[in-house]
């Protein structure tokens, strides 16, 4: 994401989390975040970095083989 010069506006993000609760009900939590310009992208970038690092740790083992293979392409 490229840096955009500050224009004085704010952006609003809405995150909604839904979970199942007792007797088949649902619980929903909604978060509204008001951010200034490119700050809204920071959580997405952090998630991508964490996911990329996690992929380097994952190893797969094919059934019948004794060797583990890296999930991360080299």
PDB file of N, CA and C in Angstrom:
ATOM      1  N   UNK A   1       0.841  -1.164   0.000  1.00  0.00           N
ATOM      2  CA  UNK A   1       0.000   0.000   0.000  1.00  0.00           C
ATOM      3  C   UNK A   1       0.892   1.234   0.000  1.00  0.00           C
ATOM      4  N   UNK A   2       0.634   2.133  -0.890  1.00  0.00           N
ATOM      5  CA  UNK A   2       1.443   3.340  -0.989  1.00  0.00           C
ATOM      6  C   UNK A   2       0.995   4.380   0.014  1.00  0.00           C
ATOM      7  N   UNK A   3       1.948   5.199   0.446  1.00  0.00           N
ATOM      8  CA  UNK A   3       1.623   6.281   1.365  1.00  0.00           C
ATOM      9  C   UNK A   3       0.836   7.358   0.620  1.00  0.00           C
ATOM     10  N   UNK A   4      -0.227   7.817   1.225  1.00  0.00           N
ATOM     11  CA  UNK A   4      -1.049   8.879   0.647  1.00  0.00           C
ATOM     12  C   UNK A   4      -0.956  10.081   1.573  1.00  0.00           C
ATOM     13  N   UNK A   5      -0.752  11.242   1.002  1.00  0.00           N
ATOM     14  CA  UNK A   5      -0.641  12.451   1.798  1.00  0.00           C
ATOM     15  C   UNK A   5      -1.896  12.657   2.634  1.00  0.00           C
ATOM     16  N   UNK A   6      -1.698  13.104   3.863  1.00  0.00           N
ATOM     17  CA  UNK A   6      -2.804  13.330   4.790  1.00  0.00           C
ATOM     18  C   UNK A   6      -3.775  14.352   4.208  1.00  0.00           C
ATOM     19  N   UNK A   7      -5.052  13.985   4.168  1.00  0.00           N
ATOM     20  CA  UNK A   7      -6.067  14.883   3.622  1.00  0.00           C
ATOM     21  C   UNK A   7      -7.066  15.333   4.682  1.00  0.00           C
ATOM     22  N   UNK A   8      -6.851  14.914   5.917  1.00  0.00           N
ATOM     23  CA  UNK A   8      -7.694  15.370   7.007  1.00  0.00           C
ATOM     24  C   UNK A   8      -8.974  14.591   7.220  1.00  0.00           C
ATOM     25  N   UNK A   9      -9.152  13.489   6.523  1.00  0.00           N
ATOM     26  CA  UNK A   9     -10.357  12.697   6.744  1.00  0.00           C
ATOM     27  C   UNK A   9     -10.022  11.467   7.579  1.00  0.00           C
ATOM     28  N   UNK A  10     -11.029  10.839   8.091  1.00  0.00           N
ATOM     29  CA  UNK A  10     -10.824   9.617   8.851  1.00  0.00           C
ATOM     30  C   UNK A  10     -11.596   8.494   8.173  1.00  0.00           C
ATOM     31  N   UNK A  11     -11.177   7.290   8.465  1.00  0.00           N
ATOM     32  CA  UNK A  11     -11.813   6.119   7.879  1.00  0.00           C
ATOM     33  C   UNK A  11     -12.343   5.252   9.010  1.00  0.00           C
ATOM     34  N   UNK A  12     -13.421   4.566   8.754  1.00  0.00           N
ATOM     35  CA  UNK A  12     -14.022   3.718   9.770  1.00  0.00           C
ATOM     36  C   UNK A  12     -14.012   2.272   9.294  1.00  0.00           C
ATOM     37  N   UNK A  13     -13.544   1.391  10.157  1.00  0.00           N
ATOM     38  CA  UNK A  13     -13.545  -0.038   9.871  1.00  0.00           C
ATOM     39  C   UNK A  13     -14.497  -0.715  10.848  1.00  0.00           C
ATOM     40  N   UNK A  14     -15.203  -1.717  10.369  1.00  0.00           N
ATOM     41  CA  UNK A  14     -16.103  -2.462  11.232  1.00  0.00           C
ATOM     42  C   UNK A  14     -15.699  -3.933  11.207  1.00  0.00           C
ATOM     43  N   UNK A  15     -15.397  -4.473  12.370  1.00  0.00           N
ATOM     44  CA  UNK A  15     -15.081  -5.887  12.522  1.00  0.00           C
ATOM     45  C   UNK A  15     -16.231  -6.539  13.262  1.00  0.00           C
ATOM     46  N   UNK A  16     -16.697  -7.653  12.734  1.00  0.00           N
ATOM     47  CA  UNK A  16     -17.828  -8.348  13.343  1.00  0.00           C
ATOM     48  C   UNK A  16     -17.426  -9.783  13.653  1.00  0.00           C
ATOM     49  N   UNK A  17     -17.587 -10.198  14.903  1.00  0.00           N
ATOM     50  CA  UNK A  17     -17.248 -11.537  15.345  1.00  0.00           C
ATOM     51  C   UNK A  17     -18.526 -12.209  15.850  1.00  0.00           C
ATOM     52  N   UNK A  18     -18.846 -13.362  15.293  1.00  0.00           N
ATOM     53  CA  UNK A  18     -20.042 -14.095  15.672  1.00  0.00           C
ATOM     54  C   UNK A  18     -19.644 -15.468  16.195  1.00  0.00           C
ATOM     55  N   UNK A  19     -20.249 -15.870  17.306  1.00  0.00           N
ATOM     56  CA  UNK A  19     -19.977 -17.194  17.854  1.00  0.00           C
ATOM     57  C   UNK A  19     -21.294 -17.837  18.296  1.00  0.00           C
ATOM     58  N   UNK A  20     -21.291 -19.165  18.332  1.00  0.00           N
ATOM     59  CA  UNK A  20     -22.478 -19.896  18.787  1.00  0.00           C
ATOM     60  C   UNK A  20     -22.441 -19.997  20.302  1.00  0.00           C
ATOM     61  N   UNK A  21     -23.613 -19.845  20.907  1.00  0.00           N
ATOM     62  CA  UNK A  21     -23.700 -19.918  22.360  1.00  0.00           C
ATOM     63  C   UNK A  21     -24.747 -20.949  22.763  1.00  0.00           C
ATOM     64  N   UNK A  22     -25.069 -20.976  24.014  1.00  0.00           N
ATOM     65  CA  UNK A  22     -25.975 -21.945  24.620  1.00  0.00           C
ATOM     66  C   UNK A  22     -27.331 -21.998  23.903  1.00  0.00           C
ATOM     67  N   UNK A  23     -27.868 -23.184  23.743  1.00  0.00           N
ATOM     68  CA  UNK A  23     -29.181 -23.464  23.164  1.00  0.00           C
ATOM     69  C   UNK A  23     -29.305 -22.925  21.735  1.00  0.00           C
ATOM     70  N   UNK A  24     -28.249 -23.063  20.958  1.00  0.00           N
ATOM     71  CA  UNK A  24     -28.288 -22.699  19.544  1.00  0.00           C
ATOM     72  C   UNK A  24     -28.319 -21.213  19.244  1.00  0.00           C
ATOM     73  N   UNK A  25     -28.066 -20.379  20.225  1.00  0.00           N
ATOM     74  CA  UNK A  25     -28.081 -18.935  19.993  1.00  0.00           C
ATOM     75  C   UNK A  25     -26.781 -18.430  19.383  1.00  0.00           C
ATOM     76  N   UNK A  26     -26.770 -17.169  19.058  1.00  0.00           N
ATOM     77  CA  UNK A  26     -25.574 -16.538  18.505  1.00  0.00           C
ATOM     78  C   UNK A  26     -25.239 -15.289  19.299  1.00  0.00           C
ATOM     79  N   UNK A  27     -23.946 -15.059  19.457  1.00  0.00           N
ATOM     80  CA  UNK A  27     -23.457 -13.842  20.104  1.00  0.00           C
ATOM     81  C   UNK A  27     -22.615 -13.107  19.070  1.00  0.00           C
ATOM     82  N   UNK A  28     -22.892 -11.829  18.873  1.00  0.00           N
ATOM     83  CA  UNK A  28     -22.159 -11.040  17.895  1.00  0.00           C
ATOM     84  C   UNK A  28     -21.539  -9.831  18.583  1.00  0.00           C
ATOM     85  N   UNK A  29     -20.252  -9.649  18.344  1.00  0.00           N
ATOM     86  CA  UNK A  29     -19.531  -8.478  18.841  1.00  0.00           C
ATOM     87  C   UNK A  29     -19.117  -7.668  17.626  1.00  0.00           C
ATOM     88  N   UNK A  30     -19.449  -6.380  17.617  1.00  0.00           N
ATOM     89  CA  UNK A  30     -19.102  -5.504  16.505  1.00  0.00           C
ATOM     90  C   UNK A  30     -18.201  -4.397  17.035  1.00  0.00           C
ATOM     91  N   UNK A  31     -17.043  -4.218  16.382  1.00  0.00           N
ATOM     92  CA  UNK A  31     -16.099  -3.170  16.767  1.00  0.00           C
ATOM     93  C   UNK A  31     -16.014  -2.141  15.651  1.00  0.00           C
ATOM     94  N   UNK A  32     -16.127  -0.888  16.009  1.00  0.00           N
ATOM     95  CA  UNK A  32     -15.950   0.203  15.056  1.00  0.00           C
ATOM     96  C   UNK A  32     -14.632   0.893  15.382  1.00  0.00           C
ATOM     97  N   UNK A  33     -13.732   0.933  14.415  1.00  0.00           N
ATOM     98  CA  UNK A  33     -12.444   1.606  14.589  1.00  0.00           C
ATOM     99  C   UNK A  33     -12.384   2.797  13.653  1.00  0.00           C
ATOM    100  N   UNK A  34     -12.114   3.968  14.197  1.00  0.00           N
ATOM    101  CA  UNK A  34     -11.925   5.149  13.368  1.00  0.00           C
ATOM    102  C   UNK A  34     -10.433   5.418  13.295  1.00  0.00           C
ATOM    103  N   UNK A  35      -9.903   5.405  12.081  1.00  0.00           N
ATOM    104  CA  UNK A  35      -8.466   5.559  11.864  1.00  0.00           C
ATOM    105  C   UNK A  35      -8.194   6.712  10.909  1.00  0.00           C
ATOM    106  N   UNK A  36      -6.999   7.214  10.978  1.00  0.00           N
ATOM    107  CA  UNK A  36      -6.582   8.294  10.101  1.00  0.00           C
ATOM    108  C   UNK A  36      -5.773   7.732   8.942  1.00  0.00           C
ATOM    109  N   UNK A  37      -6.234   7.936   7.746  1.00  0.00           N
ATOM    110  CA  UNK A  37      -5.554   7.583   6.499  1.00  0.00           C
ATOM    111  C   UNK A  37      -4.957   6.187   6.485  1.00  0.00           C
ATOM    112  N   UNK A  38      -3.654   6.055   6.211  1.00  0.00           N
ATOM    113  CA  UNK A  38      -3.052   4.751   5.976  1.00  0.00           C
ATOM    114  C   UNK A  38      -2.905   3.920   7.249  1.00  0.00           C
ATOM    115  N   UNK A  39      -3.212   4.484   8.410  1.00  0.00           N
ATOM    116  CA  UNK A  39      -3.155   3.699   9.644  1.00  0.00           C
ATOM    117  C   UNK A  39      -4.137   2.530   9.611  1.00  0.00           C
ATOM    118  N   UNK A  40      -5.188   2.641   8.807  1.00  0.00           N
ATOM    119  CA  UNK A  40      -6.178   1.579   8.695  1.00  0.00           C
ATOM    120  C   UNK A  40      -5.560   0.297   8.137  1.00  0.00           C
ATOM    121  N   UNK A  41      -4.514   0.428   7.327  1.00  0.00           N
ATOM    122  CA  UNK A  41      -3.883  -0.731   6.700  1.00  0.00           C
ATOM    123  C   UNK A  41      -2.897  -1.447   7.620  1.00  0.00           C
ATOM    124  N   UNK A  42      -2.484  -0.843   8.723  1.00  0.00           N
ATOM    125  CA  UNK A  42      -1.464  -1.434   9.583  1.00  0.00           C
ATOM    126  C   UNK A  42      -1.830  -2.836  10.081  1.00  0.00           C
ATOM    127  N   UNK A  43      -3.054  -3.088  10.580  1.00  0.00           N
ATOM    128  CA  UNK A  43      -3.363  -4.451  11.031  1.00  0.00           C
ATOM    129  C   UNK A  43      -3.296  -5.486   9.908  1.00  0.00           C
ATOM    130  N   UNK A  44      -3.660  -5.116   8.698  1.00  0.00           N
ATOM    131  CA  UNK A  44      -3.596  -6.047   7.569  1.00  0.00           C
ATOM    132  C   UNK A  44      -2.152  -6.413   7.269  1.00  0.00           C
ATOM    133  N   UNK A  45      -1.265  -5.421   7.261  1.00  0.00           N
ATOM    134  CA  UNK A  45       0.153  -5.663   6.997  1.00  0.00           C
ATOM    135  C   UNK A  45       0.737  -6.561   8.090  1.00  0.00           C
ATOM    136  N   UNK A  46       0.406  -6.293   9.342  1.00  0.00           N
ATOM    137  CA  UNK A  46       0.911  -7.136  10.436  1.00  0.00           C
ATOM    138  C   UNK A  46       0.423  -8.572  10.301  1.00  0.00           C
ATOM    139  N   UNK A  47      -0.845  -8.768   9.946  1.00  0.00           N
ATOM    140  CA  UNK A  47      -1.376 -10.114   9.743  1.00  0.00           C
ATOM    141  C   UNK A  47      -0.629 -10.840   8.631  1.00  0.00           C
ATOM    142  N   UNK A  48      -0.329 -10.151   7.535  1.00  0.00           N
ATOM    143  CA  UNK A  48       0.393 -10.769   6.422  1.00  0.00           C
ATOM    144  C   UNK A  48       1.814 -11.173   6.822  1.00  0.00           C
ATOM    145  N   UNK A  49       2.479 -10.339   7.600  1.00  0.00           N
ATOM    146  CA  UNK A  49       3.833 -10.655   8.064  1.00  0.00           C
ATOM    147  C   UNK A  49       3.810 -11.869   8.980  1.00  0.00           C
ATOM    148  N   UNK A  50       2.859 -11.911   9.904  1.00  0.00           N
ATOM    149  CA  UNK A  50       2.749 -13.049  10.825  1.00  0.00           C
ATOM    150  C   UNK A  50       2.424 -14.330  10.069  1.00  0.00           C
ATOM    151  N   UNK A  51       1.526 -14.263   9.085  1.00  0.00           N
ATOM    152  CA  UNK A  51       1.179 -15.435   8.286  1.00  0.00           C
ATOM    153  C   UNK A  51       2.371 -15.929   7.475  1.00  0.00           C
ATOM    154  N   UNK A  52       3.117 -15.009   6.877  1.00  0.00           N
ATOM    155  CA  UNK A  52       4.298 -15.402   6.092  1.00  0.00           C
ATOM    156  C   UNK A  52       5.336 -16.082   6.979  1.00  0.00           C
ATOM    157  N   UNK A  53       5.532 -15.572   8.187  1.00  0.00           N
ATOM    158  CA  UNK A  53       6.490 -16.178   9.104  1.00  0.00           C
ATOM    159  C   UNK A  53       6.007 -17.554   9.554  1.00  0.00           C
ATOM    160  N   UNK A  54       4.699 -17.702   9.798  1.00  0.00           N
ATOM    161  CA  UNK A  54       4.138 -18.981  10.213  1.00  0.00           C
ATOM    162  C   UNK A  54       4.329 -20.044   9.132  1.00  0.00           C
ATOM    163  N   UNK A  55       4.147 -19.657   7.882  1.00  0.00           N
ATOM    164  CA  UNK A  55       4.277 -20.610   6.776  1.00  0.00           C
ATOM    165  C   UNK A  55       5.691 -21.188   6.715  1.00  0.00           C
ATOM    166  N   UNK A  56       6.699 -20.417   7.130  1.00  0.00           N
ATOM    167  CA  UNK A  56       8.071 -20.940   7.117  1.00  0.00           C
ATOM    168  C   UNK A  56       8.266 -22.036   8.160  1.00  0.00           C
ATOM    169  N   UNK A  57       7.402 -22.111   9.176  1.00  0.00           N
ATOM    170  CA  UNK A  57       7.534 -23.117  10.240  1.00  0.00           C
ATOM    171  C   UNK A  57       6.769 -24.405   9.967  1.00  0.00           C
ATOM    172  N   UNK A  58       5.780 -24.380   9.087  1.00  0.00           N
ATOM    173  CA  UNK A  58       4.922 -25.543   8.854  1.00  0.00           C
ATOM    174  C   UNK A  58       5.667 -26.602   8.050  1.00  0.00           C
ATOM    175  N   UNK A  59       5.543 -27.856   8.479  1.00  0.00           N
ATOM    176  CA  UNK A  59       6.104 -28.983   7.744  1.00  0.00           C
ATOM    177  C   UNK A  59       5.013 -30.027   7.545  1.00  0.00           C
ATOM    178  N   UNK A  60       5.009 -30.641   6.361  1.00  0.00           N
ATOM    179  CA  UNK A  60       4.016 -31.658   6.025  1.00  0.00           C
ATOM    180  C   UNK A  60       4.703 -33.003   5.855  1.00  0.00           C
ATOM    181  N   UNK A  61       3.993 -34.049   6.203  1.00  0.00           N
ATOM    182  CA  UNK A  61       4.515 -35.396   6.025  1.00  0.00           C
ATOM    183  C   UNK A  61       3.494 -36.196   5.233  1.00  0.00           C
ATOM    184  N   UNK A  62       3.898 -36.681   4.076  1.00  0.00           N
ATOM    185  CA  UNK A  62       3.027 -37.478   3.229  1.00  0.00           C
ATOM    186  C   UNK A  62       2.916 -38.873   3.833  1.00  0.00           C
ATOM    187  N   UNK A  63       1.694 -39.410   3.835  1.00  0.00           N
ATOM    188  CA  UNK A  63       1.477 -40.729   4.408  1.00  0.00           C
ATOM    189  C   UNK A  63       2.332 -41.751   3.678  1.00  0.00           C
ATOM    190  N   UNK A  64       3.042 -42.559   4.442  1.00  0.00           N
ATOM    191  CA  UNK A  64       3.904 -43.581   3.865  1.00  0.00           C
ATOM    192  C   UNK A  64       5.342 -43.120   3.685  1.00  0.00           C
ATOM    193  N   UNK A  65       5.617 -41.825   3.836  1.00  0.00           N
ATOM    194  CA  UNK A  65       6.986 -41.308   3.749  1.00  0.00           C
ATOM    195  C   UNK A  65       7.467 -40.981   5.153  1.00  0.00           C
ATOM    196  N   UNK A  66       8.760 -41.129   5.366  1.00  0.00           N
ATOM    197  CA  UNK A  66       9.315 -40.825   6.677  1.00  0.00           C
ATOM    198  C   UNK A  66       9.862 -39.415   6.774  1.00  0.00           C
ATOM    199  N   UNK A  67       9.817 -38.675   5.667  1.00  0.00           N
ATOM    200  CA  UNK A  67      10.450 -37.356   5.610  1.00  0.00           C
ATOM    201  C   UNK A  67       9.403 -36.239   5.649  1.00  0.00           C
ATOM    202  N   UNK A  68       9.699 -35.185   6.409  1.00  0.00           N
ATOM    203  CA  UNK A  68       8.849 -34.007   6.434  1.00  0.00           C
ATOM    204  C   UNK A  68       9.278 -33.044   5.328  1.00  0.00           C
ATOM    205  N   UNK A  69       8.300 -32.364   4.739  1.00  0.00           N
ATOM    206  CA  UNK A  69       8.555 -31.399   3.677  1.00  0.00           C
ATOM    207  C   UNK A  69       8.113 -30.009   4.138  1.00  0.00           C
ATOM    208  N   UNK A  70       8.855 -29.013   3.710  1.00  0.00           N
ATOM    209  CA  UNK A  70       8.512 -27.643   4.069  1.00  0.00           C
ATOM    210  C   UNK A  70       7.266 -27.203   3.323  1.00  0.00           C
ATOM    211  N   UNK A  71       6.362 -26.495   4.004  1.00  0.00           N
ATOM    212  CA  UNK A  71       5.163 -25.946   3.380  1.00  0.00           C
ATOM    213  C   UNK A  71       5.510 -24.708   2.554  1.00  0.00           C
ATOM    214  N   UNK A  72       6.575 -24.034   2.973  1.00  0.00           N
ATOM    215  CA  UNK A  72       7.018 -22.799   2.320  1.00  0.00           C
ATOM    216  C   UNK A  72       7.811 -23.151   1.053  1.00  0.00           C
ATOM    217  N   UNK A  73       7.402 -22.628  -0.102  1.00  0.00           N
ATOM    218  CA  UNK A  73       8.172 -22.921  -1.325  1.00  0.00           C
ATOM    219  C   UNK A  73       9.534 -22.256  -1.269  1.00  0.00           C
ATOM    220  N   UNK A  74      10.539 -22.967  -1.725  1.00  0.00           N
ATOM    221  CA  UNK A  74      11.897 -22.407  -1.692  1.00  0.00           C
ATOM    222  C   UNK A  74      12.405 -22.141  -3.076  1.00  0.00           C
TER     223      UNK A  74
END
